[in-house]
Amino acid sequence: MNKKFKLTSETKEWYGTKLYRIEAITSFGSVDKGEKGGFVEKEENISQDGDAWVSGNARVYGNARVYGDARVYGDACVYGNARVSGNAWVYGDARVYKKEKLIGGYFYHTKSKSEKIEVMVNDDNYETLCSNPKYDDAPEEISLKGKKVKVELDGVSYTATID
């Protein structure tokens, strides 16, 4: 197996874990040879196969794995026994951990009050997270039918009733 990235000497301490910045040693997917990536604890956190990549300030550590064509970037963290694979993208302030498995779609931030994160159990070991924004606090649509409105254009007032 040919390697596509290596661990560099640039490190960062993250909750007591030493993480290493990665660097592409060959071009693949949208990544150019020599491009600096994000931070991982060990090579096993990212597959050397496929186009999987970690970039920006993103961190992958513990027994977490990123593989296939998955991307982890921004300030995202993937850790524990989490799996990110397929064409999944994890970015922003997202956190994927424990036994979670994101195999497709996007997960880009921590859950907000108005967002529902759906979990599908794939088997006894892994789950899939799906972000599904629900704006429960959004105002209800108001019907304007039959309402009179007044508009002023160039100093002239117009009144109309909405059908």
N, C-alpha and C. Protein backbone atom coordinates (compact mmCIF):
# COMPACT_ATOMS: atom_id res chain seq x y z
N MET A 1 0.85 -1.19 0.00
CA MET A 1 0.00 0.00 0.00
C MET A 1 0.89 1.24 0.00
N ASN A 2 0.61 2.16 -0.91
CA ASN A 2 1.34 3.42 -0.96
C ASN A 2 0.73 4.39 0.03
N LYS A 3 1.58 5.10 0.75
CA LYS A 3 1.09 6.11 1.70
C LYS A 3 0.75 7.39 0.96
N LYS A 4 -0.28 8.08 1.45
CA LYS A 4 -0.66 9.36 0.85
C LYS A 4 -0.34 10.53 1.78
N PHE A 5 -0.08 10.25 3.06
CA PHE A 5 0.26 11.32 3.99
C PHE A 5 1.24 10.80 5.03
N LYS A 6 1.83 11.76 5.75
CA LYS A 6 2.74 11.43 6.85
C LYS A 6 2.44 12.35 8.02
N LEU A 7 2.88 11.95 9.18
CA LEU A 7 2.80 12.80 10.37
C LEU A 7 3.99 13.75 10.34
N THR A 8 3.76 15.02 10.63
CA THR A 8 4.86 15.98 10.67
C THR A 8 5.33 16.15 12.12
N SER A 9 6.34 16.95 12.30
CA SER A 9 6.85 17.22 13.66
C SER A 9 6.03 18.30 14.37
N GLU A 10 5.11 18.96 13.65
CA GLU A 10 4.24 19.96 14.27
C GLU A 10 3.19 19.25 15.12
N THR A 11 3.15 19.56 16.39
CA THR A 11 2.22 18.89 17.30
C THR A 11 1.36 19.89 18.06
N LYS A 12 0.34 19.34 18.66
CA LYS A 12 -0.57 20.13 19.50
C LYS A 12 -1.07 19.19 20.59
N GLU A 13 -1.20 19.70 21.78
CA GLU A 13 -1.73 18.94 22.90
C GLU A 13 -3.23 19.19 22.95
N TRP A 14 -4.03 18.14 22.99
CA TRP A 14 -5.48 18.30 23.01
C TRP A 14 -6.05 17.38 24.09
N TYR A 15 -6.49 17.95 25.20
CA TYR A 15 -7.02 17.20 26.33
C TYR A 15 -6.11 16.04 26.72
N GLY A 16 -4.82 16.33 26.82
CA GLY A 16 -3.86 15.34 27.26
C GLY A 16 -3.38 14.37 26.19
N THR A 17 -3.82 14.57 24.94
CA THR A 17 -3.41 13.70 23.84
C THR A 17 -2.54 14.50 22.89
N LYS A 18 -1.40 13.94 22.52
CA LYS A 18 -0.50 14.60 21.57
C LYS A 18 -0.99 14.29 20.16
N LEU A 19 -1.26 15.36 19.40
CA LEU A 19 -1.73 15.24 18.03
C LEU A 19 -0.67 15.78 17.08
N TYR A 20 -0.59 15.17 15.89
CA TYR A 20 0.39 15.55 14.89
C TYR A 20 -0.30 16.10 13.66
N ARG A 21 0.25 17.20 13.12
CA ARG A 21 -0.28 17.70 11.85
C ARG A 21 0.13 16.71 10.76
N ILE A 22 -0.76 16.52 9.78
CA ILE A 22 -0.45 15.62 8.68
C ILE A 22 -0.05 16.43 7.44
N GLU A 23 0.64 15.77 6.52
CA GLU A 23 1.06 16.40 5.27
C GLU A 23 0.93 15.37 4.16
N ALA A 24 0.34 15.78 3.05
CA ALA A 24 0.19 14.90 1.89
C ALA A 24 1.55 14.66 1.26
N ILE A 25 1.89 13.40 1.00
CA ILE A 25 3.16 13.09 0.34
C ILE A 25 2.93 12.70 -1.12
N THR A 26 1.68 12.72 -1.54
CA THR A 26 1.32 12.51 -2.93
C THR A 26 0.01 13.26 -3.18
N SER A 27 -0.29 13.59 -4.40
CA SER A 27 -1.56 14.25 -4.72
C SER A 27 -2.65 13.19 -4.85
N PHE A 28 -3.83 13.50 -4.34
CA PHE A 28 -4.98 12.60 -4.45
C PHE A 28 -6.25 13.43 -4.29
N GLY A 29 -7.32 13.04 -4.94
CA GLY A 29 -8.57 13.79 -4.84
C GLY A 29 -8.32 15.26 -5.08
N SER A 30 -8.74 16.11 -4.14
CA SER A 30 -8.52 17.56 -4.25
C SER A 30 -7.34 18.01 -3.41
N VAL A 31 -6.53 17.08 -2.94
CA VAL A 31 -5.39 17.38 -2.07
C VAL A 31 -4.11 17.34 -2.90
N ASP A 32 -3.29 18.38 -2.77
CA ASP A 32 -2.03 18.44 -3.50
C ASP A 32 -0.88 17.93 -2.65
N LYS A 33 0.10 17.34 -3.31
CA LYS A 33 1.32 16.89 -2.63
C LYS A 33 1.92 18.07 -1.87
N GLY A 34 2.31 17.84 -0.62
CA GLY A 34 2.90 18.88 0.21
C GLY A 34 1.88 19.67 1.02
N GLU A 35 0.59 19.50 0.75
CA GLU A 35 -0.46 20.23 1.47
C GLU A 35 -0.51 19.77 2.92
N LYS A 36 -0.54 20.73 3.83
CA LYS A 36 -0.67 20.43 5.25
C LYS A 36 -2.13 20.17 5.57
N GLY A 37 -2.36 19.20 6.42
CA GLY A 37 -3.71 18.86 6.82
C GLY A 37 -3.98 19.24 8.25
N GLY A 38 -4.95 18.57 8.85
CA GLY A 38 -5.32 18.80 10.24
C GLY A 38 -4.44 17.98 11.17
N PHE A 39 -4.99 17.61 12.32
CA PHE A 39 -4.23 16.93 13.36
C PHE A 39 -4.82 15.55 13.67
N VAL A 40 -3.94 14.57 13.80
CA VAL A 40 -4.35 13.22 14.19
C VAL A 40 -3.42 12.71 15.28
N GLU A 41 -3.90 11.74 16.02
CA GLU A 41 -3.07 11.12 17.06
C GLU A 41 -2.09 10.12 16.44
N LYS A 42 -2.56 9.39 15.43
CA LYS A 42 -1.74 8.34 14.82
C LYS A 42 -2.20 8.13 13.38
N GLU A 43 -1.34 7.52 12.58
CA GLU A 43 -1.65 7.28 11.17
C GLU A 43 -2.94 6.50 10.99
N GLU A 44 -3.23 5.59 11.89
CA GLU A 44 -4.43 4.74 11.77
C GLU A 44 -5.73 5.53 11.84
N ASN A 45 -5.68 6.80 12.25
CA ASN A 45 -6.90 7.60 12.31
C ASN A 45 -7.46 7.93 10.93
N ILE A 46 -6.61 7.92 9.89
CA ILE A 46 -7.05 8.21 8.52
C ILE A 46 -6.56 7.09 7.62
N SER A 47 -7.44 6.61 6.78
CA SER A 47 -7.06 5.57 5.84
C SER A 47 -6.08 6.11 4.81
N GLN A 48 -5.10 5.30 4.47
CA GLN A 48 -4.16 5.66 3.40
C GLN A 48 -4.80 5.40 2.03
N ASP A 49 -5.93 4.71 2.00
CA ASP A 49 -6.66 4.44 0.77
C ASP A 49 -7.73 5.52 0.57
N GLY A 50 -8.24 5.62 -0.65
CA GLY A 50 -9.32 6.56 -0.93
C GLY A 50 -8.85 8.00 -0.84
N ASP A 51 -9.82 8.91 -0.79
CA ASP A 51 -9.53 10.35 -0.73
C ASP A 51 -9.82 10.95 0.63
N ALA A 52 -9.95 10.13 1.66
CA ALA A 52 -10.23 10.64 3.01
C ALA A 52 -9.15 11.65 3.40
N TRP A 53 -9.57 12.75 4.09
CA TRP A 53 -8.61 13.77 4.47
C TRP A 53 -9.13 14.56 5.66
N VAL A 54 -8.20 15.02 6.46
CA VAL A 54 -8.47 15.88 7.62
C VAL A 54 -7.69 17.16 7.37
N SER A 55 -8.34 18.31 7.47
CA SER A 55 -7.66 19.57 7.17
C SER A 55 -8.02 20.67 8.15
N GLY A 56 -7.40 21.82 7.95
CA GLY A 56 -7.64 22.97 8.82
C GLY A 56 -7.17 22.69 10.23
N ASN A 57 -8.01 23.02 11.19
CA ASN A 57 -7.71 22.80 12.61
C ASN A 57 -8.42 21.55 13.13
N ALA A 58 -8.97 20.75 12.22
CA ALA A 58 -9.74 19.56 12.62
C ALA A 58 -8.83 18.56 13.33
N ARG A 59 -9.45 17.78 14.23
CA ARG A 59 -8.70 16.81 15.04
C ARG A 59 -9.39 15.45 15.00
N VAL A 60 -8.60 14.39 14.80
CA VAL A 60 -9.10 13.02 14.83
C VAL A 60 -8.17 12.25 15.74
N TYR A 61 -8.75 11.59 16.75
CA TYR A 61 -7.89 10.89 17.71
C TYR A 61 -8.63 9.76 18.40
N GLY A 62 -7.93 9.07 19.30
CA GLY A 62 -8.50 7.89 19.93
C GLY A 62 -8.53 6.77 18.91
N ASN A 63 -9.59 5.98 18.92
CA ASN A 63 -9.76 4.91 17.95
C ASN A 63 -10.60 5.34 16.76
N ALA A 64 -10.84 6.63 16.62
CA ALA A 64 -11.66 7.16 15.53
C ALA A 64 -10.96 6.90 14.20
N ARG A 65 -11.80 6.72 13.14
CA ARG A 65 -11.26 6.47 11.80
C ARG A 65 -12.01 7.30 10.76
N VAL A 66 -11.26 7.85 9.83
CA VAL A 66 -11.81 8.57 8.69
C VAL A 66 -11.35 7.81 7.45
N TYR A 67 -12.29 7.39 6.61
CA TYR A 67 -11.90 6.59 5.45
C TYR A 67 -12.88 6.79 4.30
N GLY A 68 -12.60 6.09 3.18
CA GLY A 68 -13.40 6.29 1.97
C GLY A 68 -13.03 7.63 1.37
N ASP A 69 -14.03 8.45 1.05
CA ASP A 69 -13.80 9.79 0.52
C ASP A 69 -14.24 10.86 1.51
N ALA A 70 -14.30 10.51 2.78
CA ALA A 70 -14.80 11.41 3.83
C ALA A 70 -13.84 12.56 4.09
N ARG A 71 -14.39 13.67 4.57
CA ARG A 71 -13.62 14.87 4.90
C ARG A 71 -13.97 15.33 6.31
N VAL A 72 -12.95 15.73 7.05
CA VAL A 72 -13.14 16.34 8.36
C VAL A 72 -12.33 17.62 8.33
N TYR A 73 -12.96 18.76 8.58
CA TYR A 73 -12.22 20.02 8.48
C TYR A 73 -12.83 21.10 9.35
N GLY A 74 -12.25 22.30 9.28
CA GLY A 74 -12.66 23.40 10.15
C GLY A 74 -12.15 23.12 11.55
N ASP A 75 -13.00 23.28 12.55
CA ASP A 75 -12.64 23.00 13.94
C ASP A 75 -13.30 21.72 14.43
N ALA A 76 -13.67 20.85 13.51
CA ALA A 76 -14.38 19.62 13.87
C ALA A 76 -13.47 18.65 14.62
N CYS A 77 -14.07 17.83 15.47
CA CYS A 77 -13.36 16.77 16.21
C CYS A 77 -14.07 15.44 15.99
N VAL A 78 -13.29 14.42 15.69
CA VAL A 78 -13.80 13.06 15.59
C VAL A 78 -12.93 12.23 16.51
N TYR A 79 -13.55 11.53 17.47
CA TYR A 79 -12.75 10.83 18.46
C TYR A 79 -13.51 9.67 19.06
N GLY A 80 -12.88 9.00 20.03
CA GLY A 80 -13.49 7.80 20.60
C GLY A 80 -13.43 6.68 19.58
N ASN A 81 -14.53 5.98 19.41
CA ASN A 81 -14.61 4.90 18.42
C ASN A 81 -15.43 5.31 17.21
N ALA A 82 -15.53 6.61 16.95
CA ALA A 82 -16.36 7.12 15.85
C ALA A 82 -15.78 6.74 14.50
N ARG A 83 -16.65 6.64 13.50
CA ARG A 83 -16.27 6.33 12.12
C ARG A 83 -16.91 7.36 11.20
N VAL A 84 -16.11 7.94 10.30
CA VAL A 84 -16.62 8.85 9.28
C VAL A 84 -16.16 8.27 7.95
N SER A 85 -17.10 7.96 7.07
CA SER A 85 -16.73 7.26 5.85
C SER A 85 -17.61 7.65 4.68
N GLY A 86 -17.42 6.96 3.55
CA GLY A 86 -18.20 7.26 2.35
C GLY A 86 -17.87 8.66 1.87
N ASN A 87 -18.89 9.42 1.56
CA ASN A 87 -18.71 10.81 1.11
C ASN A 87 -19.08 11.80 2.20
N ALA A 88 -19.05 11.38 3.45
CA ALA A 88 -19.46 12.23 4.57
C ALA A 88 -18.49 13.39 4.76
N TRP A 89 -19.03 14.53 5.18
CA TRP A 89 -18.23 15.71 5.52
C TRP A 89 -18.58 16.10 6.95
N VAL A 90 -17.58 16.31 7.76
CA VAL A 90 -17.76 16.79 9.13
C VAL A 90 -16.97 18.08 9.23
N TYR A 91 -17.62 19.17 9.59
CA TYR A 91 -16.89 20.44 9.62
C TYR A 91 -17.52 21.43 10.59
N GLY A 92 -16.91 22.61 10.66
CA GLY A 92 -17.37 23.63 11.61
C GLY A 92 -16.95 23.25 12.99
N ASP A 93 -17.87 23.33 13.93
CA ASP A 93 -17.60 22.97 15.32
C ASP A 93 -18.18 21.60 15.65
N ALA A 94 -18.34 20.76 14.66
CA ALA A 94 -18.96 19.44 14.85
C ALA A 94 -18.12 18.56 15.76
N ARG A 95 -18.80 17.70 16.50
CA ARG A 95 -18.14 16.70 17.34
C ARG A 95 -18.80 15.36 17.04
N VAL A 96 -18.01 14.39 16.60
CA VAL A 96 -18.50 13.04 16.34
C VAL A 96 -17.67 12.12 17.21
N TYR A 97 -18.32 11.35 18.09
CA TYR A 97 -17.56 10.55 19.04
C TYR A 97 -18.34 9.34 19.50
N LYS A 98 -17.82 8.62 20.45
CA LYS A 98 -18.36 7.37 20.97
C LYS A 98 -18.41 6.34 19.86
N LYS A 99 -19.59 5.74 19.63
CA LYS A 99 -19.74 4.71 18.60
C LYS A 99 -20.43 5.26 17.36
N GLU A 100 -20.44 6.57 17.19
CA GLU A 100 -21.17 7.16 16.08
C GLU A 100 -20.45 6.91 14.76
N LYS A 101 -21.26 6.78 13.71
CA LYS A 101 -20.71 6.53 12.38
C LYS A 101 -21.47 7.41 11.40
N LEU A 102 -20.75 8.29 10.73
CA LEU A 102 -21.36 9.15 9.72
C LEU A 102 -20.89 8.63 8.37
N ILE A 103 -21.81 8.08 7.58
CA ILE A 103 -21.41 7.46 6.32
C ILE A 103 -21.79 8.27 5.10
N GLY A 104 -22.57 9.29 5.28
CA GLY A 104 -22.94 10.13 4.15
C GLY A 104 -23.55 11.42 4.63
N GLY A 105 -23.57 12.41 3.79
CA GLY A 105 -24.17 13.68 4.16
C GLY A 105 -23.19 14.57 4.88
N TYR A 106 -23.71 15.55 5.59
CA TYR A 106 -22.89 16.56 6.22
C TYR A 106 -23.27 16.70 7.69
N PHE A 107 -22.29 16.91 8.51
CA PHE A 107 -22.53 17.22 9.92
C PHE A 107 -21.57 18.32 10.25
N TYR A 108 -22.07 19.52 10.48
CA TYR A 108 -21.17 20.66 10.49
C TYR A 108 -21.15 21.50 11.75
N HIS A 109 -21.87 21.18 12.75
CA HIS A 109 -21.76 21.93 14.01
C HIS A 109 -22.39 21.14 15.13
N THR A 110 -22.21 21.64 16.33
CA THR A 110 -22.85 20.96 17.45
C THR A 110 -24.34 21.23 17.38
N LYS A 111 -25.12 20.37 17.98
CA LYS A 111 -26.57 20.46 17.92
C LYS A 111 -27.05 21.77 18.54
N SER A 112 -27.87 22.48 17.80
CA SER A 112 -28.46 23.70 18.35
C SER A 112 -29.83 23.36 18.93
N LYS A 113 -30.38 24.28 19.69
CA LYS A 113 -31.66 24.07 20.36
C LYS A 113 -32.77 23.72 19.36
N SER A 114 -32.72 24.31 18.19
CA SER A 114 -33.80 24.10 17.23
C SER A 114 -33.48 23.04 16.19
N GLU A 115 -32.44 22.25 16.41
CA GLU A 115 -32.06 21.26 15.41
C GLU A 115 -32.22 19.86 15.98
N LYS A 116 -32.75 19.00 15.16
CA LYS A 116 -32.92 17.61 15.55
C LYS A 116 -31.82 16.79 14.91
N ILE A 117 -31.10 16.04 15.71
CA ILE A 117 -30.09 15.13 15.19
C ILE A 117 -30.70 13.74 15.26
N GLU A 118 -30.93 13.15 14.09
CA GLU A 118 -31.52 11.82 14.04
C GLU A 118 -30.41 10.78 14.06
N VAL A 119 -30.62 9.70 14.75
CA VAL A 119 -29.64 8.63 14.86
C VAL A 119 -30.26 7.35 14.31
N MET A 120 -29.59 6.73 13.37
CA MET A 120 -30.02 5.43 12.84
C MET A 120 -29.02 4.39 13.32
N VAL A 121 -29.49 3.32 13.92
CA VAL A 121 -28.61 2.26 14.36
C VAL A 121 -28.33 1.35 13.18
N ASN A 122 -27.05 1.22 12.82
CA ASN A 122 -26.66 0.36 11.70
C ASN A 122 -26.48 -1.08 12.16
N ASP A 123 -25.87 -1.26 13.28
CA ASP A 123 -25.67 -2.58 13.88
C ASP A 123 -25.36 -2.35 15.36
N ASP A 124 -24.90 -3.36 16.05
CA ASP A 124 -24.64 -3.21 17.48
C ASP A 124 -23.48 -2.29 17.80
N ASN A 125 -22.63 -2.02 16.82
CA ASN A 125 -21.42 -1.25 17.09
C ASN A 125 -21.47 0.20 16.63
N TYR A 126 -22.29 0.52 15.61
CA TYR A 126 -22.23 1.85 15.04
C TYR A 126 -23.61 2.44 14.78
N GLU A 127 -23.62 3.78 14.75
CA GLU A 127 -24.83 4.53 14.46
C GLU A 127 -24.50 5.55 13.38
N THR A 128 -25.52 6.08 12.72
CA THR A 128 -25.35 7.13 11.72
C THR A 128 -26.05 8.38 12.23
N LEU A 129 -25.35 9.51 12.19
CA LEU A 129 -25.94 10.79 12.58
C LEU A 129 -26.46 11.51 11.35
N CYS A 130 -27.63 12.08 11.44
CA CYS A 130 -28.20 12.86 10.35
C CYS A 130 -28.67 14.18 10.92
N SER A 131 -28.18 15.27 10.39
CA SER A 131 -28.58 16.58 10.85
C SER A 131 -29.83 17.00 10.08
N ASN A 132 -30.87 17.39 10.80
CA ASN A 132 -32.13 17.76 10.17
C ASN A 132 -32.65 19.03 10.85
N PRO A 133 -32.30 20.21 10.33
CA PRO A 133 -32.71 21.45 10.99
C PRO A 133 -34.22 21.58 11.08
N LYS A 134 -34.69 21.89 12.26
CA LYS A 134 -36.10 22.16 12.49
C LYS A 134 -36.15 23.52 13.19
N TYR A 135 -36.82 24.46 12.61
CA TYR A 135 -36.85 25.79 13.19
C TYR A 135 -38.16 25.96 13.95
N ASP A 136 -38.22 25.33 15.12
CA ASP A 136 -39.43 25.36 15.93
C ASP A 136 -39.76 26.76 16.42
N ASP A 137 -38.74 27.61 16.58
CA ASP A 137 -38.97 28.95 17.10
C ASP A 137 -39.32 29.94 15.99
N ALA A 138 -39.37 29.49 14.75
CA ALA A 138 -39.68 30.39 13.64
C ALA A 138 -41.13 30.84 13.75
N PRO A 139 -41.39 32.09 13.40
CA PRO A 139 -42.78 32.57 13.47
C PRO A 139 -43.64 31.84 12.45
N GLU A 140 -44.91 31.67 12.81
CA GLU A 140 -45.83 31.04 11.88
C GLU A 140 -46.07 31.97 10.70
N GLU A 141 -46.33 31.38 9.54
CA GLU A 141 -46.65 32.20 8.39
C GLU A 141 -48.01 32.85 8.63
N ILE A 142 -48.10 34.09 8.27
CA ILE A 142 -49.34 34.85 8.48
C ILE A 142 -49.95 35.10 7.11
N SER A 143 -51.22 34.79 6.98
CA SER A 143 -51.92 35.04 5.72
C SER A 143 -52.23 36.53 5.62
N LEU A 144 -51.90 37.11 4.47
CA LEU A 144 -52.19 38.52 4.24
C LEU A 144 -53.44 38.70 3.37
N LYS A 145 -54.08 37.57 3.02
CA LYS A 145 -55.26 37.63 2.16
C LYS A 145 -56.34 38.49 2.83
N GLY A 146 -56.84 39.45 2.07
CA GLY A 146 -57.89 40.33 2.56
C GLY A 146 -57.36 41.51 3.37
N LYS A 147 -56.08 41.58 3.60
CA LYS A 147 -55.49 42.68 4.38
C LYS A 147 -55.25 43.88 3.48
N LYS A 148 -55.44 45.06 4.06
CA LYS A 148 -55.15 46.30 3.34
C LYS A 148 -53.72 46.71 3.65
N VAL A 149 -53.00 47.11 2.61
CA VAL A 149 -51.64 47.58 2.78
C VAL A 149 -51.51 48.96 2.17
N LYS A 150 -50.60 49.73 2.72
CA LYS A 150 -50.36 51.06 2.21
C LYS A 150 -48.89 51.15 1.83
N VAL A 151 -48.64 51.59 0.61
CA VAL A 151 -47.28 51.71 0.10
C VAL A 151 -47.08 53.13 -0.38
N GLU A 152 -45.92 53.70 -0.10
CA GLU A 152 -45.61 55.04 -0.58
C GLU A 152 -44.42 54.95 -1.52
N LEU A 153 -44.63 55.44 -2.76
CA LEU A 153 -43.57 55.47 -3.77
C LEU A 153 -43.43 56.89 -4.29
N ASP A 154 -42.24 57.40 -4.24
CA ASP A 154 -41.95 58.73 -4.74
C ASP A 154 -42.94 59.79 -4.23
N GLY A 155 -43.27 59.68 -2.96
CA GLY A 155 -44.14 60.66 -2.34
C GLY A 155 -45.62 60.46 -2.59
N VAL A 156 -46.00 59.42 -3.35
CA VAL A 156 -47.40 59.14 -3.64
C VAL A 156 -47.82 57.91 -2.85
N SER A 157 -48.94 57.98 -2.11
CA SER A 157 -49.43 56.86 -1.32
C SER A 157 -50.41 56.04 -2.12
N TYR A 158 -50.26 54.71 -2.00
CA TYR A 158 -51.17 53.78 -2.66
C TYR A 158 -51.71 52.83 -1.60
N THR A 159 -52.98 52.48 -1.73
CA THR A 159 -53.60 51.54 -0.83
C THR A 159 -54.13 50.39 -1.68
N ALA A 160 -53.93 49.15 -1.16
CA ALA A 160 -54.37 47.98 -1.92
C ALA A 160 -54.86 46.93 -0.93
N THR A 161 -55.72 46.06 -1.43
CA THR A 161 -56.17 44.91 -0.66
C THR A 161 -55.56 43.67 -1.32
N ILE A 162 -54.95 42.83 -0.50
CA ILE A 162 -54.29 41.64 -1.02
C ILE A 162 -55.32 40.55 -1.28
N ASP A 163 -55.26 39.97 -2.50
CA ASP A 163 -56.17 38.89 -2.87
C ASP A 163 -55.79 37.61 -2.20
